[in-house]
Amino acid sequence: MNFKQNSLFQRGMEEDEIRPGTYGGVLAVWGSPSCGKTTVAVKLADYLARKRKNVLLILADMTAPPLPCICPASDLEGERSLGSILAATHVTDNLIKKNCMFYRKNDYLSMIGMLKGENVFTYPPYDQTQATELIEQARAVAPYVIIDCGSTIASDILSAVALMEADTVLRLVNCDLKSISYLSSQLPLLRDNKWDADKQLKVASNVKHQEASSHIEQLLGAVSFQIPHSSELETQYLEGELLKELGLKESRAFRKEIERISREVFGV
C-alpha cells in the first residue's frame, strides 16, 4: 500500500498514544443549517493536528459536500471519496486508509468526504451497517476522529449513526429564531435513549458582540460553549481556506474557545 510518506498510517499509533489525562475518541458536530458545523469541525481537527495528534476528519454531509470548501485542491493528496467506502459490503480499516485524502501541509490530518460534484445518488445506497462500521473502524485508524454531520438526521443515515456512536456530540445552534426553530423540530427525534442526551453538549455558535450572555440564555438556555463570531474566519470560509491559521487579534476569542472545547472533549 502506497500511503503518504510519514502519514499517520506509516507512523503508527505507538507514536501518538493517548497519554494520561487525554481522552481521544469520536466527536460528532451537529446542528441547524449554516450554524458553523463544518467550520468548528475543521478548526478542531486543525488544532489537534497542529498539536501533533493524528486526526481523521469525516465530512458526512452528502447534500453539500464540504471537502472542496476547506482548502485548495492542490493542498490535498489523492482524489478519493467517502462514497466508495459506504458502497462496500463491509467497511474495514484498510478500506478507510485507501480512501483517505491527505493534507499536504500537516501529516497529522487526514480527511474523508464526498468529492466536488458528487451527491448521495452518485454511489449505490448504503444502510446503517456500513455507517456503523465506518465509525467503528475509524477508531482503529486514528485516536482522534471528528465527524462533521449533516443537519437532516431524519434522512441522513451516516449523520444519524454518528450521533449515536460518537463519544461526545457538539449540538450547535445560532442565536436566531430560525435556527432555534429548526433545532426544536429535530429534537423530538433525539429523545429515544439510543441517542444518549447526556453526551450532547449545547453550543451557541457564531455569537455576535451585541448578543449578551443573558440574551443567549433567554433563547437557548444554559450552554456549554459560546463560539464567537470572527470576520477573519468568515473570510476564510468564503475563500475555502479554513485550514489557514487565524492570526488577527479579533479572532483570539474564537481560538480560545476552540482550545477550551478540545481540552474538555479530548483532554488536549
C-alpha atoms as a PDB file:
ATOM      1  CA  MET A   1       0.000   0.000   0.000  1.00  0.00           C
ATOM      2  CA  ASN A   2       1.412   3.360  -1.026  1.00  0.00           C
ATOM      3  CA  PHE A   3       0.373   5.590   1.852  1.00  0.00           C
ATOM      4  CA  LYS A   4       1.686   9.111   2.152  1.00  0.00           C
ATOM      5  CA  GLN A   5       5.266   9.371   3.434  1.00  0.00           C
ATOM      6  CA  ASN A   6       5.240   9.907   7.224  1.00  0.00           C
ATOM      7  CA  SER A   7       1.433   9.812   7.293  1.00  0.00           C
ATOM      8  CA  LEU A   8      -0.455   8.546  10.325  1.00  0.00           C
ATOM      9  CA  PHE A   9      -0.654   5.122   8.660  1.00  0.00           C
ATOM     10  CA  GLN A  10       3.126   4.839   8.354  1.00  0.00           C
ATOM     11  CA  ARG A  11       3.914   6.329  11.747  1.00  0.00           C
ATOM     12  CA  GLY A  12       1.544   4.002  13.501  1.00  0.00           C
ATOM     13  CA  MET A  13      -0.438   4.519  16.675  1.00  0.00           C
ATOM     14  CA  GLU A  14       2.505   3.962  19.024  1.00  0.00           C
ATOM     15  CA  GLU A  15       3.878   7.447  18.282  1.00  0.00           C
ATOM     16  CA  ASP A  16       0.562   9.077  19.173  1.00  0.00           C
ATOM     17  CA  GLU A  17      -0.582   7.051  22.129  1.00  0.00           C
ATOM     18  CA  ILE A  18      -3.249   8.529  24.367  1.00  0.00           C
ATOM     19  CA  ARG A  19      -1.278   9.912  27.293  1.00  0.00           C
ATOM     20  CA  PRO A  20      -2.670  10.054  30.852  1.00  0.00           C
ATOM     21  CA  GLY A  21      -5.109  12.941  31.128  1.00  0.00           C
ATOM     22  CA  THR A  22      -6.128  12.807  27.460  1.00  0.00           C
ATOM     23  CA  TYR A  23      -9.185  11.027  26.126  1.00  0.00           C
ATOM     24  CA  GLY A  24      -9.151  10.685  22.353  1.00  0.00           C
ATOM     25  CA  GLY A  25     -12.327   9.236  20.866  1.00  0.00           C
ATOM     26  CA  VAL A  26     -15.034  10.240  18.391  1.00  0.00           C
ATOM     27  CA  LEU A  27     -16.681  13.666  18.344  1.00  0.00           C
ATOM     28  CA  ALA A  28     -19.762  14.429  16.216  1.00  0.00           C
ATOM     29  CA  VAL A  29     -20.535  18.066  15.351  1.00  0.00           C
ATOM     30  CA  TRP A  30     -24.202  18.626  14.522  1.00  0.00           C
ATOM     31  CA  GLY A  31     -26.781  21.398  14.461  1.00  0.00           C
ATOM     32  CA  SER A  32     -29.047  23.617  12.394  1.00  0.00           C
ATOM     33  CA  PRO A  33     -28.156  24.569   8.795  1.00  0.00           C
ATOM     34  CA  SER A  34     -25.486  27.293   8.477  1.00  0.00           C
ATOM     35  CA  CYS A  35     -24.670  27.187  12.185  1.00  0.00           C
ATOM     36  CA  GLY A  36     -20.948  26.620  11.612  1.00  0.00           C
ATOM     37  CA  LYS A  37     -20.695  22.816  11.924  1.00  0.00           C
ATOM     38  CA  THR A  38     -18.038  22.431   9.234  1.00  0.00           C
ATOM     39  CA  THR A  39     -16.084  25.447  10.458  1.00  0.00           C
ATOM     40  CA  VAL A  40     -15.954  24.173  14.040  1.00  0.00           C
ATOM     41  CA  ALA A  41     -15.161  20.590  12.986  1.00  0.00           C
ATOM     42  CA  VAL A  42     -12.324  21.721  10.696  1.00  0.00           C
ATOM     43  CA  LYS A  43     -10.835  24.147  13.218  1.00  0.00           C
ATOM     44  CA  LEU A  44     -10.898  21.495  15.959  1.00  0.00           C
ATOM     45  CA  ALA A  45      -9.225  18.976  13.642  1.00  0.00           C
ATOM     46  CA  ASP A  46      -6.630  21.557  12.609  1.00  0.00           C
ATOM     47  CA  TYR A  47      -5.930  22.464  16.250  1.00  0.00           C
ATOM     48  CA  LEU A  48      -5.311  18.825  17.189  1.00  0.00           C
ATOM     49  CA  ALA A  49      -3.151  18.234  14.110  1.00  0.00           C
ATOM     50  CA  ARG A  50      -1.016  21.251  14.990  1.00  0.00           C
ATOM     51  CA  LYS A  51      -0.581  19.597  18.412  1.00  0.00           C
ATOM     52  CA  ARG A  52       0.817  16.575  16.528  1.00  0.00           C
ATOM     53  CA  LYS A  53      -2.227  14.405  17.200  1.00  0.00           C
ATOM     54  CA  ASN A  54      -3.355  12.004  14.487  1.00  0.00           C
ATOM     55  CA  VAL A  55      -6.797  13.213  13.410  1.00  0.00           C
ATOM     56  CA  LEU A  56      -9.296  11.763  10.958  1.00  0.00           C
ATOM     57  CA  LEU A  57     -11.916  14.280   9.815  1.00  0.00           C
ATOM     58  CA  ILE A  58     -15.047  12.676   8.355  1.00  0.00           C
ATOM     59  CA  LEU A  59     -17.227  15.036   6.309  1.00  0.00           C
ATOM     60  CA  ALA A  60     -20.595  13.310   6.374  1.00  0.00           C
ATOM     61  CA  ASP A  61     -22.711  15.877   4.515  1.00  0.00           C
ATOM     62  CA  MET A  62     -23.590  14.444   1.090  1.00  0.00           C
ATOM     63  CA  THR A  63     -26.074  17.171   0.138  1.00  0.00           C
ATOM     64  CA  ALA A  64     -23.494  19.967   0.058  1.00  0.00           C
ATOM     65  CA  PRO A  65     -20.088  18.204   0.200  1.00  0.00           C
ATOM     66  CA  PRO A  66     -17.795  20.487   2.231  1.00  0.00           C
ATOM     67  CA  LEU A  67     -14.461  18.992   1.135  1.00  0.00           C
ATOM     68  CA  PRO A  68     -13.997  21.466  -1.762  1.00  0.00           C
ATOM     69  CA  CYS A  69     -14.628  24.347   0.667  1.00  0.00           C
ATOM     70  CA  ILE A  70     -11.945  23.501   3.237  1.00  0.00           C
ATOM     71  CA  CYS A  71      -8.722  24.109   1.360  1.00  0.00           C
ATOM     72  CA  PRO A  72      -7.422  24.367  -2.220  1.00  0.00           C
ATOM     73  CA  ALA A  73      -7.434  21.057  -4.092  1.00  0.00           C
ATOM     74  CA  SER A  74      -3.661  21.371  -4.526  1.00  0.00           C
ATOM     75  CA  ASP A  75      -3.274  21.045  -0.727  1.00  0.00           C
ATOM     76  CA  LEU A  76      -4.822  17.561  -0.774  1.00  0.00           C
ATOM     77  CA  GLU A  77      -3.152  14.361  -1.871  1.00  0.00           C
ATOM     78  CA  GLY A  78      -5.385  11.821  -3.570  1.00  0.00           C
ATOM     79  CA  GLU A  79      -8.851  12.041  -5.071  1.00  0.00           C
ATOM     80  CA  ARG A  80     -10.855   9.510  -3.118  1.00  0.00           C
ATOM     81  CA  SER A  81     -14.432   9.556  -1.896  1.00  0.00           C
ATOM     82  CA  LEU A  82     -16.493   8.729   1.160  1.00  0.00           C
ATOM     83  CA  GLY A  83     -18.987   7.232  -1.292  1.00  0.00           C
ATOM     84  CA  SER A  84     -16.513   4.489  -2.225  1.00  0.00           C
ATOM     85  CA  ILE A  85     -16.299   3.433   1.420  1.00  0.00           C
ATOM     86  CA  LEU A  86     -20.044   3.340   2.029  1.00  0.00           C
ATOM     87  CA  ALA A  87     -20.607   1.461  -1.246  1.00  0.00           C
ATOM     88  CA  ALA A  88     -18.661  -1.530   0.087  1.00  0.00           C
ATOM     89  CA  THR A  89     -20.417  -4.555   1.544  1.00  0.00           C
ATOM     90  CA  HIS A  90     -18.332  -4.183   4.702  1.00  0.00           C
ATOM     91  CA  VAL A  91     -16.140  -1.312   5.848  1.00  0.00           C
ATOM     92  CA  THR A  92     -12.645  -2.202   7.061  1.00  0.00           C
ATOM     93  CA  ASP A  93      -9.818  -0.074   8.416  1.00  0.00           C
ATOM     94  CA  ASN A  94      -7.829  -0.839   5.257  1.00  0.00           C
ATOM     95  CA  LEU A  95     -10.704   0.441   3.080  1.00  0.00           C
ATOM     96  CA  ILE A  96     -10.742   3.682   5.077  1.00  0.00           C
ATOM     97  CA  LYS A  97      -6.977   4.091   4.688  1.00  0.00           C
ATOM     98  CA  LYS A  98      -7.208   3.587   0.936  1.00  0.00           C
ATOM     99  CA  ASN A  99      -9.884   6.276   0.604  1.00  0.00           C
ATOM    100  CA  CYS A 100      -8.406   8.983   2.829  1.00  0.00           C
ATOM    101  CA  MET A 101      -7.398  12.372   1.493  1.00  0.00           C
ATOM    102  CA  PHE A 102      -4.111  13.593   2.963  1.00  0.00           C
ATOM    103  CA  TYR A 103      -3.450  17.221   3.854  1.00  0.00           C
ATOM    104  CA  ARG A 104      -0.061  18.059   2.365  1.00  0.00           C
ATOM    105  CA  LYS A 105       0.738  20.807   4.885  1.00  0.00           C
ATOM    106  CA  ASN A 106       0.261  18.661   8.006  1.00  0.00           C
ATOM    107  CA  ASP A 107       0.854  14.902   8.018  1.00  0.00           C
ATOM    108  CA  TYR A 108      -1.247  14.515  11.163  1.00  0.00           C
ATOM    109  CA  LEU A 109      -4.508  15.398   9.412  1.00  0.00           C
ATOM    110  CA  SER A 110      -6.431  13.134   7.032  1.00  0.00           C
ATOM    111  CA  MET A 111      -9.937  13.594   5.643  1.00  0.00           C
ATOM    112  CA  ILE A 112     -12.778  11.582   4.159  1.00  0.00           C
ATOM    113  CA  GLY A 113     -15.594  13.239   2.233  1.00  0.00           C
ATOM    114  CA  MET A 114     -17.519  13.431  -0.996  1.00  0.00           C
ATOM    115  CA  LEU A 115     -15.718  14.983  -3.955  1.00  0.00           C
ATOM    116  CA  LYS A 116     -16.835  18.101  -5.819  1.00  0.00           C
ATOM    117  CA  GLY A 117     -19.879  17.361  -7.980  1.00  0.00           C
ATOM    118  CA  GLU A 118     -20.832  14.171  -6.131  1.00  0.00           C
ATOM    119  CA  ASN A 119     -24.037  13.619  -4.208  1.00  0.00           C
ATOM    120  CA  VAL A 120     -25.857  10.860  -2.364  1.00  0.00           C
ATOM    121  CA  PHE A 121     -27.030   9.365  -5.690  1.00  0.00           C
ATOM    122  CA  THR A 122     -23.524   9.105  -7.189  1.00  0.00           C
ATOM    123  CA  TYR A 123     -22.968   5.792  -5.382  1.00  0.00           C
ATOM    124  CA  PRO A 124     -25.158   2.792  -4.525  1.00  0.00           C
ATOM    125  CA  PRO A 125     -27.351   3.226  -1.421  1.00  0.00           C
ATOM    126  CA  TYR A 126     -25.908   2.211   1.927  1.00  0.00           C
ATOM    127  CA  ASP A 127     -27.541   1.375   5.249  1.00  0.00           C
ATOM    128  CA  GLN A 128     -26.855   1.595   8.961  1.00  0.00           C
ATOM    129  CA  THR A 129     -24.440  -1.354   8.788  1.00  0.00           C
ATOM    130  CA  GLN A 130     -21.874   0.466   6.643  1.00  0.00           C
ATOM    131  CA  ALA A 131     -22.297   3.704   8.608  1.00  0.00           C
ATOM    132  CA  THR A 132     -21.710   1.951  11.936  1.00  0.00           C
ATOM    133  CA  GLU A 133     -18.733   0.014  10.585  1.00  0.00           C
ATOM    134  CA  LEU A 134     -17.207   3.219   9.222  1.00  0.00           C
ATOM    135  CA  ILE A 135     -17.221   4.838  12.652  1.00  0.00           C
ATOM    136  CA  GLU A 136     -16.063   1.682  14.426  1.00  0.00           C
ATOM    137  CA  GLN A 137     -13.146   1.213  12.031  1.00  0.00           C
ATOM    138  CA  ALA A 138     -12.285   4.924  12.123  1.00  0.00           C
ATOM    139  CA  ARG A 139     -11.462   4.423  15.811  1.00  0.00           C
ATOM    140  CA  ALA A 140      -8.817   1.893  14.741  1.00  0.00           C
ATOM    141  CA  VAL A 141      -7.362   4.248  12.119  1.00  0.00           C
ATOM    142  CA  ALA A 142      -6.867   7.356  14.286  1.00  0.00           C
ATOM    143  CA  PRO A 143      -7.104   8.115  18.015  1.00  0.00           C
ATOM    144  CA  TYR A 144      -8.967  11.373  17.310  1.00  0.00           C
ATOM    145  CA  VAL A 145     -11.982  11.263  14.984  1.00  0.00           C
ATOM    146  CA  ILE A 146     -14.167  14.298  14.235  1.00  0.00           C
ATOM    147  CA  ILE A 147     -17.367  13.907  12.219  1.00  0.00           C
ATOM    148  CA  ASP A 148     -18.925  16.920  10.527  1.00  0.00           C
ATOM    149  CA  CYS A 149     -22.572  15.857  10.350  1.00  0.00           C
ATOM    150  CA  GLY A 150     -25.353  16.945   8.027  1.00  0.00           C
ATOM    151  CA  SER A 151     -28.282  18.727   9.633  1.00  0.00           C
ATOM    152  CA  THR A 152     -31.126  16.463   8.466  1.00  0.00           C
ATOM    153  CA  ILE A 153     -30.780  13.358  10.616  1.00  0.00           C
ATOM    154  CA  ALA A 154     -34.208  12.023   9.594  1.00  0.00           C
ATOM    155  CA  SER A 155     -32.831  11.085   6.157  1.00  0.00           C
ATOM    156  CA  ASP A 156     -29.049  11.259   6.576  1.00  0.00           C
ATOM    157  CA  ILE A 157     -28.085   7.773   7.792  1.00  0.00           C
ATOM    158  CA  LEU A 158     -24.396   8.458   8.407  1.00  0.00           C
ATOM    159  CA  SER A 159     -25.042  11.623  10.402  1.00  0.00           C
ATOM    160  CA  ALA A 160     -27.748   9.926  12.469  1.00  0.00           C
ATOM    161  CA  VAL A 161     -25.477   6.964  13.236  1.00  0.00           C
ATOM    162  CA  ALA A 162     -22.646   9.358  14.103  1.00  0.00           C
ATOM    163  CA  LEU A 163     -24.822  10.966  16.776  1.00  0.00           C
ATOM    164  CA  MET A 164     -25.500   7.515  18.242  1.00  0.00           C
ATOM    165  CA  GLU A 165     -21.959   6.151  18.042  1.00  0.00           C
ATOM    166  CA  ALA A 166     -19.902   9.229  18.956  1.00  0.00           C
ATOM    167  CA  ASP A 167     -18.445   9.591  22.445  1.00  0.00           C
ATOM    168  CA  THR A 168     -19.413  13.273  22.503  1.00  0.00           C
ATOM    169  CA  VAL A 169     -21.763  15.427  20.415  1.00  0.00           C
ATOM    170  CA  LEU A 170     -21.479  19.184  19.960  1.00  0.00           C
ATOM    171  CA  ARG A 171     -25.004  20.462  19.267  1.00  0.00           C
ATOM    172  CA  LEU A 172     -24.595  23.841  17.558  1.00  0.00           C
ATOM    173  CA  VAL A 173     -27.248  26.488  17.111  1.00  0.00           C
ATOM    174  CA  ASN A 174     -27.119  30.132  16.074  1.00  0.00           C
ATOM    175  CA  CYS A 175     -28.763  32.696  18.310  1.00  0.00           C
ATOM    176  CA  ASP A 176     -31.641  33.403  15.927  1.00  0.00           C
ATOM    177  CA  LEU A 177     -35.229  32.214  15.863  1.00  0.00           C
ATOM    178  CA  LYS A 178     -34.954  30.260  12.600  1.00  0.00           C
ATOM    179  CA  SER A 179     -32.028  28.165  13.885  1.00  0.00           C
ATOM    180  CA  ILE A 180     -33.803  27.552  17.165  1.00  0.00           C
ATOM    181  CA  SER A 181     -36.990  26.586  15.319  1.00  0.00           C
ATOM    182  CA  TYR A 182     -35.060  24.076  13.204  1.00  0.00           C
ATOM    183  CA  LEU A 183     -33.349  22.553  16.217  1.00  0.00           C
ATOM    184  CA  SER A 184     -36.671  22.295  18.038  1.00  0.00           C
ATOM    185  CA  SER A 185     -38.118  20.369  15.078  1.00  0.00           C
ATOM    186  CA  GLN A 186     -35.251  17.855  15.235  1.00  0.00           C
ATOM    187  CA  LEU A 187     -35.025  17.357  18.996  1.00  0.00           C
ATOM    188  CA  PRO A 188     -38.059  15.031  19.218  1.00  0.00           C
ATOM    189  CA  LEU A 189     -36.061  12.633  17.031  1.00  0.00           C
ATOM    190  CA  LEU A 190     -33.340  12.572  19.701  1.00  0.00           C
ATOM    191  CA  ARG A 191     -35.497  11.730  22.719  1.00  0.00           C
ATOM    192  CA  ASP A 192     -35.015   7.969  22.443  1.00  0.00           C
ATOM    193  CA  ASN A 193     -32.446   6.545  24.880  1.00  0.00           C
ATOM    194  CA  LYS A 194     -30.277   5.352  21.971  1.00  0.00           C
ATOM    195  CA  TRP A 195     -29.193   8.951  21.384  1.00  0.00           C
ATOM    196  CA  ASP A 196     -27.796   9.408  24.939  1.00  0.00           C
ATOM    197  CA  ALA A 197     -28.682  13.026  25.661  1.00  0.00           C
ATOM    198  CA  ASP A 198     -26.043  13.219  28.415  1.00  0.00           C
ATOM    199  CA  LYS A 199     -23.201  13.245  25.873  1.00  0.00           C
ATOM    200  CA  GLN A 200     -24.701  16.136  23.876  1.00  0.00           C
ATOM    201  CA  LEU A 201     -23.125  19.492  24.661  1.00  0.00           C
ATOM    202  CA  LYS A 202     -25.173  22.547  23.713  1.00  0.00           C
ATOM    203  CA  VAL A 203     -23.150  25.193  21.859  1.00  0.00           C
ATOM    204  CA  ALA A 204     -24.113  28.762  20.952  1.00  0.00           C
ATOM    205  CA  SER A 205     -22.415  29.369  17.595  1.00  0.00           C
ATOM    206  CA  ASN A 206     -21.307  32.490  15.732  1.00  0.00           C
ATOM    207  CA  VAL A 207     -22.147  34.708  18.691  1.00  0.00           C
ATOM    208  CA  LYS A 208     -22.044  38.402  17.779  1.00  0.00           C
ATOM    209  CA  HIS A 209     -20.682  41.095  20.110  1.00  0.00           C
ATOM    210  CA  GLN A 210     -24.144  42.524  20.704  1.00  0.00           C
ATOM    211  CA  GLU A 211     -25.535  39.169  21.841  1.00  0.00           C
ATOM    212  CA  ALA A 212     -25.062  39.308  25.599  1.00  0.00           C
ATOM    213  CA  SER A 213     -24.995  36.153  27.706  1.00  0.00           C
ATOM    214  CA  SER A 214     -28.404  36.991  29.155  1.00  0.00           C
ATOM    215  CA  HIS A 215     -29.862  37.138  25.622  1.00  0.00           C
ATOM    216  CA  ILE A 216     -28.264  33.801  24.704  1.00  0.00           C
ATOM    217  CA  GLU A 217     -29.556  32.122  27.860  1.00  0.00           C
ATOM    218  CA  GLN A 218     -33.036  33.516  27.219  1.00  0.00           C
ATOM    219  CA  LEU A 219     -33.053  31.985  23.725  1.00  0.00           C
ATOM    220  CA  LEU A 220     -31.108  28.775  24.273  1.00  0.00           C
ATOM    221  CA  GLY A 221     -30.962  28.120  27.972  1.00  0.00           C
ATOM    222  CA  ALA A 222     -27.659  27.137  29.550  1.00  0.00           C
ATOM    223  CA  VAL A 223     -24.927  26.314  27.025  1.00  0.00           C
ATOM    224  CA  SER A 224     -21.601  24.503  27.446  1.00  0.00           C
ATOM    225  CA  PHE A 225     -19.699  26.696  24.973  1.00  0.00           C
ATOM    226  CA  GLN A 226     -20.129  30.046  23.235  1.00  0.00           C
ATOM    227  CA  ILE A 227     -18.267  30.260  19.926  1.00  0.00           C
ATOM    228  CA  PRO A 228     -17.831  33.921  18.974  1.00  0.00           C
ATOM    229  CA  HIS A 229     -18.148  35.416  15.510  1.00  0.00           C
ATOM    230  CA  SER A 230     -14.909  36.183  13.660  1.00  0.00           C
ATOM    231  CA  SER A 231     -14.857  38.186  10.439  1.00  0.00           C
ATOM    232  CA  GLU A 232     -11.427  36.697   9.636  1.00  0.00           C
ATOM    233  CA  LEU A 233     -12.914  33.214   9.959  1.00  0.00           C
ATOM    234  CA  GLU A 234     -15.858  34.235   7.773  1.00  0.00           C
ATOM    235  CA  THR A 235     -13.398  35.338   5.086  1.00  0.00           C
ATOM    236  CA  GLN A 236     -11.543  32.012   5.317  1.00  0.00           C
ATOM    237  CA  TYR A 237     -14.838  30.172   4.880  1.00  0.00           C
ATOM    238  CA  LEU A 238     -15.829  32.230   1.834  1.00  0.00           C
ATOM    239  CA  GLU A 239     -12.392  31.731   0.259  1.00  0.00           C
ATOM    240  CA  GLY A 240     -12.202  27.997   1.005  1.00  0.00           C
ATOM    241  CA  GLU A 241      -9.209  28.398   3.322  1.00  0.00           C
ATOM    242  CA  LEU A 242     -10.483  27.005   6.622  1.00  0.00           C
ATOM    243  CA  LEU A 243      -7.164  25.300   7.363  1.00  0.00           C
ATOM    244  CA  LYS A 244      -5.282  28.597   7.380  1.00  0.00           C
ATOM    245  CA  GLU A 245      -4.174  29.815  10.794  1.00  0.00           C
ATOM    246  CA  LEU A 246      -6.207  32.625  12.358  1.00  0.00           C
ATOM    247  CA  GLY A 247      -3.800  35.471  13.015  1.00  0.00           C
ATOM    248  CA  LEU A 248      -5.850  38.593  13.725  1.00  0.00           C
ATOM    249  CA  LYS A 249      -6.494  39.880  17.227  1.00  0.00           C
ATOM    250  CA  GLU A 250     -10.263  39.827  16.647  1.00  0.00           C
ATOM    251  CA  SER A 251     -10.097  36.031  16.232  1.00  0.00           C
ATOM    252  CA  ARG A 252      -8.437  35.465  19.601  1.00  0.00           C
ATOM    253  CA  ALA A 253     -11.714  34.720  21.400  1.00  0.00           C
ATOM    254  CA  PHE A 254     -12.655  32.140  18.746  1.00  0.00           C
ATOM    255  CA  ARG A 255      -9.271  30.414  19.051  1.00  0.00           C
ATOM    256  CA  LYS A 256      -9.542  30.280  22.828  1.00  0.00           C
ATOM    257  CA  GLU A 257     -12.987  28.671  22.674  1.00  0.00           C
ATOM    258  CA  ILE A 258     -11.752  26.038  20.211  1.00  0.00           C
ATOM    259  CA  GLU A 259      -8.889  25.298  22.617  1.00  0.00           C
ATOM    260  CA  ARG A 260     -11.346  25.041  25.507  1.00  0.00           C
ATOM    261  CA  ILE A 261     -13.573  22.612  23.571  1.00  0.00           C
ATOM    262  CA  SER A 262     -10.523  20.493  22.712  1.00  0.00           C
ATOM    263  CA  ARG A 263      -9.429  20.348  26.350  1.00  0.00           C
ATOM    264  CA  GLU A 264     -12.862  19.416  27.667  1.00  0.00           C
ATOM    265  CA  VAL A 265     -13.732  16.918  24.908  1.00  0.00           C
ATOM    266  CA  PHE A 266     -10.331  15.366  24.125  1.00  0.00           C
ATOM    267  CA  GLY A 267      -8.177  16.399  27.086  1.00  0.00           C
ATOM    268  CA  VAL A 268      -5.722  18.139  24.701  1.00  0.00           C
END
